[in-house]
Amino acid sequence: MKVARVLLLLLLGLILAGRVAQRMSDGPTGPIQGGALRAGTLVSEPEVDWTLALGDAPVGSIELQLVEPPRSRVTGAFVYEGQLFVPCDLGFIWRRAPDTSSRWLLRLIWILKGWHEDVLRDGRVVLRVDGKRYERLAVRVTDPELLATFRGRVEKAAEQYFGSLLPEEADPEAIWFFRMDPRTAG
C-alpha cells in the first residue's frame, strides 16, 4: 500500500511538472496546450495575404494564442475571400467521425475545450503561421449564409481526413467560426 501511494504521488508530481513546463513553453505541442507564443517575427502590417501561408487547402493548421488567458493551441484555419477564419468544433465533426483510433482524442480535446468562451470575453489573439506572429482580434461569425458555407467546407475537409462521416444529423450550433481581424491600436 505504501509503494502504491508513493507511485501515485510520483505520477501526480510528474503530471504537474509536465503541465507547468508546457504552460511555460513557447507554444503548444501537438494537441496539448502551451504557453504564450514568443518565438517568431511579429508582423505589424494589418493586411496579410493568408493564402501565401495556408495555400488553398480547405482547412490548414495554425497556432493560436489567447492574450487572456495566455494559452496557445494548434487549430484549424482557412482563407475565405481573402480573410482568415478559425473553426471551433464543439461536436459538429467529432461526434460524426467514424469510430477510429483518433475519435477518442477528438472527444478528449472537446471535453477540455473552452477557448471559444474565452474569446467572447477578450477577442485579442496572437497567431503563429510559418514562424511569424500576427496580433489579431477574433470576431465570432453569425451570418447564417456564411455559417452554412463554412460548415460545408469543414465537412468536406473532415471527409478527406476521416472518409465518410456518420450519417447522423449534425447540430449546426456545435461549431463556431471566428474571423481574424487586424487589431486596431489602443
Protein backbone atom coordinates (compact mmCIF):
# COMPACT_ATOMS: atom_id res chain seq x y z
CA MET A 1 0.00 0.00 0.00
CA LYS A 2 2.84 2.36 0.82
CA VAL A 3 4.52 1.65 -2.53
CA ALA A 4 1.26 2.37 -4.39
CA ARG A 5 0.90 5.69 -2.57
CA VAL A 6 4.48 6.68 -3.41
CA LEU A 7 3.97 5.71 -7.06
CA LEU A 8 0.72 7.68 -7.20
CA LEU A 9 2.38 10.76 -5.69
CA LEU A 10 5.29 10.39 -8.11
CA LEU A 11 2.89 10.14 -11.06
CA LEU A 12 0.92 13.18 -9.90
CA GLY A 13 4.17 15.10 -9.44
CA LEU A 14 5.28 14.22 -12.96
CA ILE A 15 1.92 15.27 -14.40
CA LEU A 16 2.03 18.57 -12.51
CA ALA A 17 5.62 19.24 -13.58
CA GLY A 18 4.70 18.45 -17.18
CA ARG A 19 1.75 20.84 -17.11
CA VAL A 20 3.84 23.64 -15.61
CA ALA A 21 6.58 23.07 -18.19
CA GLN A 22 4.03 23.02 -21.01
CA ARG A 23 2.42 26.28 -19.88
CA MET A 24 5.83 27.94 -19.76
CA SER A 25 6.80 26.61 -23.18
CA ASP A 26 6.73 28.62 -26.38
CA GLY A 27 3.51 27.33 -27.87
CA PRO A 28 1.63 24.04 -27.93
CA THR A 29 2.93 20.54 -28.51
CA GLY A 30 0.54 18.68 -30.79
CA PRO A 31 -2.90 18.63 -29.15
CA ILE A 32 -1.52 19.76 -25.77
CA GLN A 33 -1.97 23.46 -24.95
CA GLY A 34 1.15 25.54 -24.43
CA GLY A 35 2.16 28.92 -23.16
CA ALA A 36 2.39 32.25 -24.92
CA LEU A 37 3.78 32.35 -28.46
CA ARG A 38 7.11 34.15 -28.07
CA ALA A 39 9.29 32.98 -30.96
CA GLY A 40 8.95 34.34 -34.46
CA THR A 41 8.89 37.74 -36.09
CA LEU A 42 5.94 39.90 -35.04
CA VAL A 43 4.32 41.14 -38.26
CA SER A 44 2.79 44.58 -37.81
CA GLU A 45 1.07 45.02 -41.18
CA PRO A 46 -2.71 44.89 -40.75
CA GLU A 47 -3.34 43.34 -44.16
CA VAL A 48 -1.89 39.88 -44.75
CA ASP A 49 -2.15 37.59 -47.77
CA TRP A 50 -3.13 34.48 -45.83
CA THR A 51 -3.12 32.32 -48.95
CA LEU A 52 0.69 32.60 -49.05
CA ALA A 53 0.87 30.90 -45.64
CA LEU A 54 -2.07 28.49 -45.87
CA GLY A 55 -2.37 27.93 -49.59
CA ASP A 56 -5.72 26.86 -50.97
CA ALA A 57 -6.20 23.85 -48.68
CA PRO A 58 -9.79 23.53 -47.43
CA VAL A 59 -8.51 23.75 -43.85
CA GLY A 60 -4.91 24.32 -42.77
CA SER A 61 -3.24 24.40 -39.38
CA ILE A 62 -2.03 27.36 -37.29
CA GLU A 63 -1.05 28.11 -33.71
CA LEU A 64 -3.49 30.38 -31.87
CA GLN A 65 -2.82 32.03 -28.52
CA LEU A 66 -5.32 33.95 -26.45
CA VAL A 67 -3.96 37.12 -24.90
CA GLU A 68 -6.05 36.40 -21.81
CA PRO A 69 -5.60 33.70 -20.59
CA PRO A 70 -2.19 33.37 -22.33
CA ARG A 71 -2.50 29.80 -23.58
CA SER A 72 -1.90 28.52 -27.06
CA ARG A 73 -3.17 25.62 -29.12
CA VAL A 74 -2.92 24.18 -32.62
CA THR A 75 -6.14 24.72 -34.51
CA GLY A 76 -7.56 24.64 -37.99
CA ALA A 77 -7.84 27.72 -40.18
CA PHE A 78 -8.93 28.58 -43.70
CA VAL A 79 -9.00 31.52 -46.04
CA TYR A 80 -12.30 32.72 -47.47
CA GLU A 81 -12.44 35.77 -49.75
CA GLY A 82 -9.02 36.86 -48.52
CA GLN A 83 -9.89 36.72 -44.82
CA LEU A 84 -8.65 34.19 -42.26
CA PHE A 85 -11.19 32.14 -40.30
CA VAL A 86 -10.73 29.70 -37.43
CA PRO A 87 -13.32 26.99 -36.70
CA CYS A 88 -14.01 25.68 -33.20
CA ASP A 89 -15.58 22.21 -33.36
CA LEU A 90 -17.87 21.58 -30.40
CA GLY A 91 -19.06 18.22 -31.69
CA PHE A 92 -20.12 19.09 -35.23
CA ILE A 93 -17.41 16.85 -36.73
CA TRP A 94 -16.04 14.63 -33.98
CA ARG A 95 -19.49 13.26 -32.99
CA ARG A 96 -19.94 12.12 -36.60
CA ALA A 97 -16.40 10.86 -37.15
CA PRO A 98 -16.26 7.12 -37.78
CA ASP A 99 -15.07 5.01 -34.87
CA THR A 100 -11.38 5.40 -35.49
CA SER A 101 -8.39 5.50 -33.21
CA SER A 102 -8.44 9.31 -33.32
CA ARG A 103 -12.09 9.71 -32.27
CA TRP A 104 -11.28 9.29 -28.56
CA LEU A 105 -8.63 12.03 -28.84
CA LEU A 106 -11.10 14.36 -30.57
CA ARG A 107 -13.61 13.74 -27.77
CA LEU A 108 -10.99 14.42 -25.10
CA ILE A 109 -9.96 17.67 -26.79
CA TRP A 110 -13.63 18.67 -26.97
CA ILE A 111 -14.18 17.96 -23.27
CA LEU A 112 -11.23 20.18 -22.34
CA LYS A 113 -12.04 22.90 -24.89
CA GLY A 114 -13.06 26.29 -23.56
CA TRP A 115 -11.07 28.79 -25.59
CA HIS A 116 -14.11 29.79 -27.65
CA GLU A 117 -15.80 31.13 -24.50
CA ASP A 118 -12.62 33.00 -23.51
CA VAL A 119 -12.54 34.63 -26.97
CA LEU A 120 -16.02 36.04 -26.39
CA ARG A 121 -14.72 37.82 -23.26
CA ASP A 122 -11.46 39.05 -24.83
CA GLY A 123 -11.03 38.53 -28.56
CA ARG A 124 -7.36 39.52 -28.68
CA VAL A 125 -5.28 36.67 -30.07
CA VAL A 126 -1.81 36.03 -31.43
CA LEU A 127 -1.45 33.70 -34.40
CA ARG A 128 1.73 31.96 -35.47
CA VAL A 129 1.89 30.85 -39.08
CA ASP A 130 5.14 29.70 -40.70
CA GLY A 131 7.19 31.10 -37.82
CA LYS A 132 5.62 34.58 -37.99
CA ARG A 133 3.34 36.02 -35.31
CA TYR A 134 0.30 38.18 -36.02
CA GLU A 135 -1.77 40.12 -33.47
CA ARG A 136 -5.44 39.80 -34.35
CA LEU A 137 -8.94 40.23 -32.99
CA ALA A 138 -11.12 37.13 -33.15
CA VAL A 139 -14.71 38.02 -34.06
CA ARG A 140 -17.43 35.36 -33.96
CA VAL A 141 -19.21 34.85 -37.29
CA THR A 142 -23.01 35.00 -37.00
CA ASP A 143 -24.12 35.44 -40.63
CA PRO A 144 -26.32 32.38 -41.45
CA GLU A 145 -25.19 32.15 -45.08
CA LEU A 146 -21.51 32.29 -44.17
CA LEU A 147 -22.02 29.73 -41.40
CA ALA A 148 -23.67 27.30 -43.84
CA THR A 149 -20.82 27.78 -46.33
CA PHE A 150 -18.19 27.27 -43.64
CA ARG A 151 -19.87 24.16 -42.19
CA GLY A 152 -19.88 22.62 -45.68
CA ARG A 153 -16.21 23.45 -46.12
CA VAL A 154 -15.24 21.89 -42.79
CA GLU A 155 -17.34 18.79 -43.51
CA LYS A 156 -15.57 18.34 -46.84
CA ALA A 157 -12.15 18.66 -45.17
CA ALA A 158 -13.18 16.17 -42.46
CA GLU A 159 -14.31 13.67 -45.09
CA GLN A 160 -10.90 13.90 -46.75
CA TYR A 161 -9.33 13.05 -43.39
CA PHE A 162 -11.78 10.50 -41.93
CA GLY A 163 -13.55 9.21 -45.02
CA SER A 164 -17.33 9.40 -44.88
CA LEU A 165 -18.82 10.97 -41.77
CA LEU A 166 -21.52 9.07 -39.92
CA PRO A 167 -24.96 9.95 -41.31
CA GLU A 168 -26.42 11.24 -38.03
CA GLU A 169 -27.81 14.77 -38.01
CA ALA A 170 -25.26 17.47 -37.26
CA ASP A 171 -26.05 20.19 -34.75
CA PRO A 172 -25.28 23.44 -36.62
CA GLU A 173 -24.60 25.19 -33.28
CA ALA A 174 -21.87 22.63 -32.49
CA ILE A 175 -19.28 24.54 -34.49
CA TRP A 176 -18.28 28.16 -34.14
CA PHE A 177 -16.23 30.25 -36.55
CA PHE A 178 -14.08 33.27 -35.81
CA ARG A 179 -12.82 35.83 -38.32
CA MET A 180 -9.29 37.04 -37.58
CA ASP A 181 -9.44 40.83 -37.99
CA PRO A 182 -6.47 43.19 -37.68
CA ARG A 183 -6.18 44.64 -34.19
CA THR A 184 -6.56 48.40 -34.01
CA ALA A 185 -4.20 50.41 -31.84
CA GLY A 186 -5.40 51.46 -28.44
